[in-house]
Amino acid sequence: MSIPEPEHRGTASVGSAYYPMFVAVFTALVIISNVTATKGVAFGPIITDGGFIVFPLTYVIGDVLSEVYGFKAARRAILLGFAMNALAALAFWVTVYLPAADFYTNQEHFENVVGAYTQLIVAGLAGFLVGQTINAWVVVAIKQRTKEKHLWARLIGSTFAGQLGDTLVFCAIAAGAIGISTFGDFVTYTALGWFYKTAVEVIMLPVTYRVIAFVKRSEPTYQVAV
């Protein structure tokens, strides 16, 4: 996958108050979603995991970063999120092997959660890198052709492609961690994950539009793509 060539217009500098704020929220949402994903969830025949609560929001922020700051800035946020998740997994494993206090009775449960979290971290990071990179690349690649027009096409197109890559990679690795053992359940888990995360982003389009418009107006270094 080639990286779109940088443009002099159509992006803002990362040296502002907004960029680190978005990166911080982005990273926090990824860590939260990986922790909540350790629990398999079933709504009747519908099988998913707890990550469904906040994970789709990472793609909303990813779209804002890509649209306003460009591919390299979005990739920087993705790599930072990757590093912080790896640090979280390391901290959890160190905690597992620390001597437990006499009054602490949840060592086995903690180990089970950390074990599942580690597998989900691997799945999440693999899917995260694939999906977010595709998402950012598609936003920037389409923007080079449409400039400031057709924002909806950039957001929806990147969502369909990025979420598909993310979900396929994540579910293939994570299914065993939450107890999915049959092919039928795996197909349901994967298809539902992709549909749900894509639907949330489509529903969130009006909010994403307003956030992007606000940041573009507020960023003194943003230059309209022409």
C-alpha atoms as a PDB file:
ATOM      1  CA  MET A   1       0.000   0.000   0.000  1.00  0.00           C
ATOM      2  CA  SER A   2       1.602   3.244  -1.110  1.00  0.00           C
ATOM      3  CA  ILE A   3       1.255   6.328   1.053  1.00  0.00           C
ATOM      4  CA  PRO A   4      -0.500   9.244  -0.627  1.00  0.00           C
ATOM      5  CA  GLU A   5       1.885  12.076  -1.407  1.00  0.00           C
ATOM      6  CA  PRO A   6       1.731  14.924   1.122  1.00  0.00           C
ATOM      7  CA  GLU A   7      -0.195  18.033   0.111  1.00  0.00           C
ATOM      8  CA  HIS A   8       0.651  21.637   0.961  1.00  0.00           C
ATOM      9  CA  ARG A   9      -3.059  22.259   1.359  1.00  0.00           C
ATOM     10  CA  GLY A  10      -5.809  20.172   2.930  1.00  0.00           C
ATOM     11  CA  THR A  11      -4.063  19.444   6.234  1.00  0.00           C
ATOM     12  CA  ALA A  12      -3.202  21.250   9.457  1.00  0.00           C
ATOM     13  CA  SER A  13      -0.024  21.205  11.503  1.00  0.00           C
ATOM     14  CA  VAL A  14       0.049  18.781  14.452  1.00  0.00           C
ATOM     15  CA  GLY A  15       1.577  21.467  16.661  1.00  0.00           C
ATOM     16  CA  SER A  16      -1.707  22.646  18.166  1.00  0.00           C
ATOM     17  CA  ALA A  17      -3.871  21.974  21.202  1.00  0.00           C
ATOM     18  CA  TYR A  18      -6.380  19.890  19.243  1.00  0.00           C
ATOM     19  CA  TYR A  19      -4.131  17.181  17.818  1.00  0.00           C
ATOM     20  CA  PRO A  20      -2.763  15.858  21.169  1.00  0.00           C
ATOM     21  CA  MET A  21      -6.279  15.998  22.628  1.00  0.00           C
ATOM     22  CA  PHE A  22      -7.627  13.751  19.859  1.00  0.00           C
ATOM     23  CA  VAL A  23      -4.648  11.395  20.186  1.00  0.00           C
ATOM     24  CA  ALA A  24      -5.187  11.091  23.953  1.00  0.00           C
ATOM     25  CA  VAL A  25      -8.890  10.254  23.577  1.00  0.00           C
ATOM     26  CA  PHE A  26      -8.118   7.902  20.687  1.00  0.00           C
ATOM     27  CA  THR A  27      -5.550   5.966  22.769  1.00  0.00           C
ATOM     28  CA  ALA A  28      -7.815   5.793  25.827  1.00  0.00           C
ATOM     29  CA  LEU A  29     -10.721   4.422  23.774  1.00  0.00           C
ATOM     30  CA  VAL A  30      -8.532   1.691  22.282  1.00  0.00           C
ATOM     31  CA  ILE A  31      -7.305   0.557  25.732  1.00  0.00           C
ATOM     32  CA  ILE A  32     -10.841   0.652  27.205  1.00  0.00           C
ATOM     33  CA  SER A  33     -12.277  -1.346  24.302  1.00  0.00           C
ATOM     34  CA  ASN A  34      -9.574  -4.029  24.630  1.00  0.00           C
ATOM     35  CA  VAL A  35     -10.326  -4.457  28.342  1.00  0.00           C
ATOM     36  CA  THR A  36     -14.096  -4.640  27.836  1.00  0.00           C
ATOM     37  CA  ALA A  37     -13.609  -7.041  24.904  1.00  0.00           C
ATOM     38  CA  THR A  38     -12.405  -9.755  27.326  1.00  0.00           C
ATOM     39  CA  LYS A  39     -16.061 -10.566  28.014  1.00  0.00           C
ATOM     40  CA  GLY A  40     -18.075 -12.393  25.385  1.00  0.00           C
ATOM     41  CA  VAL A  41     -21.601 -11.005  25.140  1.00  0.00           C
ATOM     42  CA  ALA A  42     -24.738 -12.652  23.729  1.00  0.00           C
ATOM     43  CA  PHE A  43     -28.044 -10.997  22.912  1.00  0.00           C
ATOM     44  CA  GLY A  44     -29.984 -14.139  22.063  1.00  0.00           C
ATOM     45  CA  PRO A  45     -28.375 -15.510  18.864  1.00  0.00           C
ATOM     46  CA  ILE A  46     -26.271 -12.358  18.445  1.00  0.00           C
ATOM     47  CA  ILE A  47     -22.704 -12.907  19.662  1.00  0.00           C
ATOM     48  CA  THR A  48     -20.222 -10.111  20.254  1.00  0.00           C
ATOM     49  CA  ASP A  49     -17.917  -8.812  22.987  1.00  0.00           C
ATOM     50  CA  GLY A  50     -17.867  -5.866  25.373  1.00  0.00           C
ATOM     51  CA  GLY A  51     -15.618  -3.898  23.052  1.00  0.00           C
ATOM     52  CA  PHE A  52     -18.658  -2.939  20.992  1.00  0.00           C
ATOM     53  CA  ILE A  53     -19.471  -0.189  23.504  1.00  0.00           C
ATOM     54  CA  VAL A  54     -16.728   2.291  22.611  1.00  0.00           C
ATOM     55  CA  PHE A  55     -14.493   0.799  19.893  1.00  0.00           C
ATOM     56  CA  PRO A  56     -16.401   2.267  16.914  1.00  0.00           C
ATOM     57  CA  LEU A  57     -15.622   5.727  18.278  1.00  0.00           C
ATOM     58  CA  THR A  58     -11.923   5.137  17.563  1.00  0.00           C
ATOM     59  CA  TYR A  59     -12.770   5.189  13.853  1.00  0.00           C
ATOM     60  CA  VAL A  60     -14.682   8.446  14.235  1.00  0.00           C
ATOM     61  CA  ILE A  61     -11.586  10.053  15.750  1.00  0.00           C
ATOM     62  CA  GLY A  62      -9.383   8.323  13.176  1.00  0.00           C
ATOM     63  CA  ASP A  63     -11.455   9.974  10.452  1.00  0.00           C
ATOM     64  CA  VAL A  64     -11.016  13.395  12.079  1.00  0.00           C
ATOM     65  CA  LEU A  65      -7.248  12.916  12.361  1.00  0.00           C
ATOM     66  CA  SER A  66      -6.923  11.742   8.758  1.00  0.00           C
ATOM     67  CA  GLU A  67      -9.189  14.420   7.288  1.00  0.00           C
ATOM     68  CA  VAL A  68      -7.701  17.365   9.180  1.00  0.00           C
ATOM     69  CA  TYR A  69      -4.069  16.375   9.798  1.00  0.00           C
ATOM     70  CA  GLY A  70      -3.256  13.892   7.022  1.00  0.00           C
ATOM     71  CA  PHE A  71      -1.994  10.330   6.737  1.00  0.00           C
ATOM     72  CA  LYS A  72       1.313  10.726   8.573  1.00  0.00           C
ATOM     73  CA  ALA A  73      -0.300  12.407  11.569  1.00  0.00           C
ATOM     74  CA  ALA A  74      -3.011   9.730  11.727  1.00  0.00           C
ATOM     75  CA  ARG A  75      -0.371   6.999  11.467  1.00  0.00           C
ATOM     76  CA  ARG A  76       1.515   8.590  14.359  1.00  0.00           C
ATOM     77  CA  ALA A  77      -1.620   8.351  16.509  1.00  0.00           C
ATOM     78  CA  ILE A  78      -2.134   4.724  15.471  1.00  0.00           C
ATOM     79  CA  LEU A  79       1.428   3.786  16.429  1.00  0.00           C
ATOM     80  CA  LEU A  80       1.115   5.596  19.751  1.00  0.00           C
ATOM     81  CA  GLY A  81      -2.101   3.719  20.500  1.00  0.00           C
ATOM     82  CA  PHE A  82      -0.299   0.479  19.597  1.00  0.00           C
ATOM     83  CA  ALA A  83       2.574   1.284  21.972  1.00  0.00           C
ATOM     84  CA  MET A  84       0.291   2.216  24.893  1.00  0.00           C
ATOM     85  CA  ASN A  85      -1.686  -1.008  24.507  1.00  0.00           C
ATOM     86  CA  ALA A  86       1.525  -3.013  24.521  1.00  0.00           C
ATOM     87  CA  LEU A  87       2.603  -1.157  27.676  1.00  0.00           C
ATOM     88  CA  ALA A  88      -0.765  -1.937  29.298  1.00  0.00           C
ATOM     89  CA  ALA A  89      -0.344  -5.645  28.535  1.00  0.00           C
ATOM     90  CA  LEU A  90       3.186  -5.607  29.993  1.00  0.00           C
ATOM     91  CA  ALA A  91       1.998  -3.836  33.153  1.00  0.00           C
ATOM     92  CA  PHE A  92      -0.800  -6.381  33.624  1.00  0.00           C
ATOM     93  CA  TRP A  93       1.597  -9.321  33.301  1.00  0.00           C
ATOM     94  CA  VAL A  94       4.059  -7.783  35.747  1.00  0.00           C
ATOM     95  CA  THR A  95       1.152  -7.361  38.173  1.00  0.00           C
ATOM     96  CA  VAL A  96       0.178 -11.025  37.731  1.00  0.00           C
ATOM     97  CA  TYR A  97       3.609 -12.154  38.924  1.00  0.00           C
ATOM     98  CA  LEU A  98       3.874  -9.743  41.828  1.00  0.00           C
ATOM     99  CA  PRO A  99       3.368 -11.541  45.203  1.00  0.00           C
ATOM    100  CA  ALA A 100      -0.288 -11.325  46.228  1.00  0.00           C
ATOM    101  CA  ALA A 101      -1.240  -9.934  49.630  1.00  0.00           C
ATOM    102  CA  ASP A 102      -2.757 -12.400  52.105  1.00  0.00           C
ATOM    103  CA  PHE A 103      -6.166 -10.716  51.866  1.00  0.00           C
ATOM    104  CA  TYR A 104      -6.233 -10.779  48.037  1.00  0.00           C
ATOM    105  CA  THR A 105      -8.400 -13.675  46.846  1.00  0.00           C
ATOM    106  CA  ASN A 106      -8.838 -12.871  43.158  1.00  0.00           C
ATOM    107  CA  GLN A 107      -5.444 -13.951  41.804  1.00  0.00           C
ATOM    108  CA  GLU A 108      -6.872 -16.714  39.600  1.00  0.00           C
ATOM    109  CA  HIS A 109      -9.600 -14.473  38.203  1.00  0.00           C
ATOM    110  CA  PHE A 110      -7.077 -11.709  37.533  1.00  0.00           C
ATOM    111  CA  GLU A 111      -4.804 -14.160  35.694  1.00  0.00           C
ATOM    112  CA  ASN A 112      -7.731 -15.354  33.560  1.00  0.00           C
ATOM    113  CA  VAL A 113      -8.654 -11.807  32.603  1.00  0.00           C
ATOM    114  CA  VAL A 114      -5.050 -10.851  31.850  1.00  0.00           C
ATOM    115  CA  GLY A 115      -4.582 -14.007  29.769  1.00  0.00           C
ATOM    116  CA  ALA A 116      -7.668 -13.204  27.714  1.00  0.00           C
ATOM    117  CA  TYR A 117      -6.646  -9.557  27.515  1.00  0.00           C
ATOM    118  CA  THR A 118      -3.230 -10.503  26.158  1.00  0.00           C
ATOM    119  CA  GLN A 119      -4.723 -12.567  23.353  1.00  0.00           C
ATOM    120  CA  LEU A 120      -7.168  -9.766  22.666  1.00  0.00           C
ATOM    121  CA  ILE A 121      -4.301  -7.259  22.712  1.00  0.00           C
ATOM    122  CA  VAL A 122      -2.580  -9.272  19.979  1.00  0.00           C
ATOM    123  CA  ALA A 123      -5.843  -9.489  18.036  1.00  0.00           C
ATOM    124  CA  GLY A 124      -6.708  -5.867  18.698  1.00  0.00           C
ATOM    125  CA  LEU A 125      -3.311  -4.508  17.772  1.00  0.00           C
ATOM    126  CA  ALA A 126      -3.164  -6.557  14.573  1.00  0.00           C
ATOM    127  CA  GLY A 127      -6.667  -5.522  13.560  1.00  0.00           C
ATOM    128  CA  PHE A 128      -6.080  -1.984  14.774  1.00  0.00           C
ATOM    129  CA  LEU A 129      -2.962  -1.507  12.678  1.00  0.00           C
ATOM    130  CA  VAL A 130      -4.559  -3.014   9.575  1.00  0.00           C
ATOM    131  CA  GLY A 131      -7.942  -1.323   9.925  1.00  0.00           C
ATOM    132  CA  GLN A 132      -6.815   2.128  11.019  1.00  0.00           C
ATOM    133  CA  THR A 133      -4.096   2.249   8.380  1.00  0.00           C
ATOM    134  CA  ILE A 134      -6.592   1.327   5.646  1.00  0.00           C
ATOM    135  CA  ASN A 135      -9.069   3.834   7.078  1.00  0.00           C
ATOM    136  CA  ALA A 136      -6.539   6.689   7.124  1.00  0.00           C
ATOM    137  CA  TRP A 137      -5.166   5.819   3.679  1.00  0.00           C
ATOM    138  CA  VAL A 138      -8.619   5.753   2.073  1.00  0.00           C
ATOM    139  CA  VAL A 139      -9.622   9.106   3.611  1.00  0.00           C
ATOM    140  CA  VAL A 140      -6.462  10.801   2.346  1.00  0.00           C
ATOM    141  CA  ALA A 141      -6.452   9.073  -1.049  1.00  0.00           C
ATOM    142  CA  ILE A 142     -10.051  10.111  -1.781  1.00  0.00           C
ATOM    143  CA  LYS A 143      -9.408  13.628  -0.487  1.00  0.00           C
ATOM    144  CA  GLN A 144      -6.577  14.085  -2.959  1.00  0.00           C
ATOM    145  CA  ARG A 145      -9.138  13.586  -5.730  1.00  0.00           C
ATOM    146  CA  THR A 146     -12.207  15.303  -4.248  1.00  0.00           C
ATOM    147  CA  LYS A 147     -10.429  18.073  -2.240  1.00  0.00           C
ATOM    148  CA  GLU A 148     -12.953  19.521   0.250  1.00  0.00           C
ATOM    149  CA  LYS A 149     -15.974  18.074  -1.577  1.00  0.00           C
ATOM    150  CA  HIS A 150     -17.798  14.814  -0.851  1.00  0.00           C
ATOM    151  CA  LEU A 151     -16.657  14.360   2.751  1.00  0.00           C
ATOM    152  CA  TRP A 152     -19.377  11.725   3.149  1.00  0.00           C
ATOM    153  CA  ALA A 153     -17.693   9.582   0.476  1.00  0.00           C
ATOM    154  CA  ARG A 154     -14.360   9.719   2.297  1.00  0.00           C
ATOM    155  CA  LEU A 155     -15.892   8.869   5.666  1.00  0.00           C
ATOM    156  CA  ILE A 156     -18.163   6.059   4.485  1.00  0.00           C
ATOM    157  CA  GLY A 157     -15.649   4.581   2.041  1.00  0.00           C
ATOM    158  CA  SER A 158     -12.901   4.515   4.647  1.00  0.00           C
ATOM    159  CA  THR A 159     -15.279   3.022   7.211  1.00  0.00           C
ATOM    160  CA  PHE A 160     -16.361   0.134   5.000  1.00  0.00           C
ATOM    161  CA  ALA A 161     -12.786  -0.729   4.022  1.00  0.00           C
ATOM    162  CA  GLY A 162     -11.097  -0.094   7.367  1.00  0.00           C
ATOM    163  CA  GLN A 163     -13.697  -1.843   9.495  1.00  0.00           C
ATOM    164  CA  LEU A 164     -13.693  -4.860   7.185  1.00  0.00           C
ATOM    165  CA  GLY A 165      -9.923  -5.283   7.496  1.00  0.00           C
ATOM    166  CA  ASP A 166      -9.978  -4.652  11.239  1.00  0.00           C
ATOM    167  CA  THR A 167     -12.856  -7.033  11.947  1.00  0.00           C
ATOM    168  CA  LEU A 168     -11.522  -9.925   9.876  1.00  0.00           C
ATOM    169  CA  VAL A 169      -8.083  -9.770  11.502  1.00  0.00           C
ATOM    170  CA  PHE A 170      -9.372  -9.154  15.034  1.00  0.00           C
ATOM    171  CA  CYS A 171     -12.050 -11.857  15.031  1.00  0.00           C
ATOM    172  CA  ALA A 172      -9.740 -14.497  13.539  1.00  0.00           C
ATOM    173  CA  ILE A 173      -7.382 -14.092  16.524  1.00  0.00           C
ATOM    174  CA  ALA A 174      -9.813 -13.103  19.288  1.00  0.00           C
ATOM    175  CA  ALA A 175     -12.543 -15.716  18.844  1.00  0.00           C
ATOM    176  CA  GLY A 176     -10.768 -18.316  20.992  1.00  0.00           C
ATOM    177  CA  ALA A 177     -10.067 -15.831  23.785  1.00  0.00           C
ATOM    178  CA  ILE A 178     -13.755 -15.235  24.457  1.00  0.00           C
ATOM    179  CA  GLY A 179     -14.801 -18.875  23.994  1.00  0.00           C
ATOM    180  CA  ILE A 180     -16.072 -18.984  20.394  1.00  0.00           C
ATOM    181  CA  SER A 181     -15.416 -22.499  19.123  1.00  0.00           C
ATOM    182  CA  THR A 182     -17.807 -23.172  16.198  1.00  0.00           C
ATOM    183  CA  PHE A 183     -17.567 -21.855  12.661  1.00  0.00           C
ATOM    184  CA  GLY A 184     -21.166 -20.648  12.738  1.00  0.00           C
ATOM    185  CA  ASP A 185     -20.554 -18.574  15.865  1.00  0.00           C
ATOM    186  CA  PHE A 186     -17.363 -17.201  14.317  1.00  0.00           C
ATOM    187  CA  VAL A 187     -19.191 -16.099  11.159  1.00  0.00           C
ATOM    188  CA  THR A 188     -21.911 -14.466  13.280  1.00  0.00           C
ATOM    189  CA  TYR A 189     -19.296 -12.781  15.476  1.00  0.00           C
ATOM    190  CA  THR A 190     -17.350 -11.436  12.485  1.00  0.00           C
ATOM    191  CA  ALA A 191     -20.323 -10.316  10.403  1.00  0.00           C
ATOM    192  CA  LEU A 192     -22.057  -8.676  13.331  1.00  0.00           C
ATOM    193  CA  GLY A 193     -18.863  -6.914  14.387  1.00  0.00           C
ATOM    194  CA  TRP A 194     -18.321  -5.443  10.930  1.00  0.00           C
ATOM    195  CA  PHE A 195     -21.975  -4.462  10.462  1.00  0.00           C
ATOM    196  CA  TYR A 196     -22.310  -2.929  13.924  1.00  0.00           C
ATOM    197  CA  LYS A 197     -19.092  -0.905  13.835  1.00  0.00           C
ATOM    198  CA  THR A 198     -19.848   0.319  10.315  1.00  0.00           C
ATOM    199  CA  ALA A 199     -23.433   1.220  11.244  1.00  0.00           C
ATOM    200  CA  VAL A 200     -22.295   3.201  14.294  1.00  0.00           C
ATOM    201  CA  GLU A 201     -19.917   5.260  12.181  1.00  0.00           C
ATOM    202  CA  VAL A 202     -22.597   5.916   9.571  1.00  0.00           C
ATOM    203  CA  ILE A 203     -25.019   6.985  12.306  1.00  0.00           C
ATOM    204  CA  MET A 204     -22.299   9.198  13.798  1.00  0.00           C
ATOM    205  CA  LEU A 205     -21.680  10.961  10.455  1.00  0.00           C
ATOM    206  CA  PRO A 206     -23.525  14.167  11.447  1.00  0.00           C
ATOM    207  CA  VAL A 207     -21.401  14.405  14.597  1.00  0.00           C
ATOM    208  CA  THR A 208     -18.194  13.620  12.685  1.00  0.00           C
ATOM    209  CA  TYR A 209     -19.069  16.297  10.107  1.00  0.00           C
ATOM    210  CA  ARG A 210     -19.527  18.922  12.817  1.00  0.00           C
ATOM    211  CA  VAL A 211     -16.341  17.971  14.658  1.00  0.00           C
ATOM    212  CA  ILE A 212     -14.293  18.095  11.444  1.00  0.00           C
ATOM    213  CA  ALA A 213     -15.824  21.441  10.468  1.00  0.00           C
ATOM    214  CA  PHE A 214     -15.133  22.881  13.917  1.00  0.00           C
ATOM    215  CA  VAL A 215     -11.512  21.723  13.961  1.00  0.00           C
ATOM    216  CA  LYS A 216     -10.883  23.000  10.437  1.00  0.00           C
ATOM    217  CA  ARG A 217     -12.240  26.411  11.436  1.00  0.00           C
ATOM    218  CA  SER A 218     -10.324  26.454  14.719  1.00  0.00           C
ATOM    219  CA  GLU A 219      -6.963  25.223  13.452  1.00  0.00           C
ATOM    220  CA  PRO A 220      -5.003  28.311  12.400  1.00  0.00           C
ATOM    221  CA  THR A 221      -2.677  26.234  10.202  1.00  0.00           C
ATOM    222  CA  TYR A 222      -5.392  24.436   8.231  1.00  0.00           C
ATOM    223  CA  GLN A 223      -5.429  25.334   4.543  1.00  0.00           C
ATOM    224  CA  VAL A 224      -8.354  24.367   2.361  1.00  0.00           C
ATOM    225  CA  ALA A 225      -7.513  21.753  -0.283  1.00  0.00           C
ATOM    226  CA  VAL A 226      -7.871  23.165  -3.797  1.00  0.00           C
END
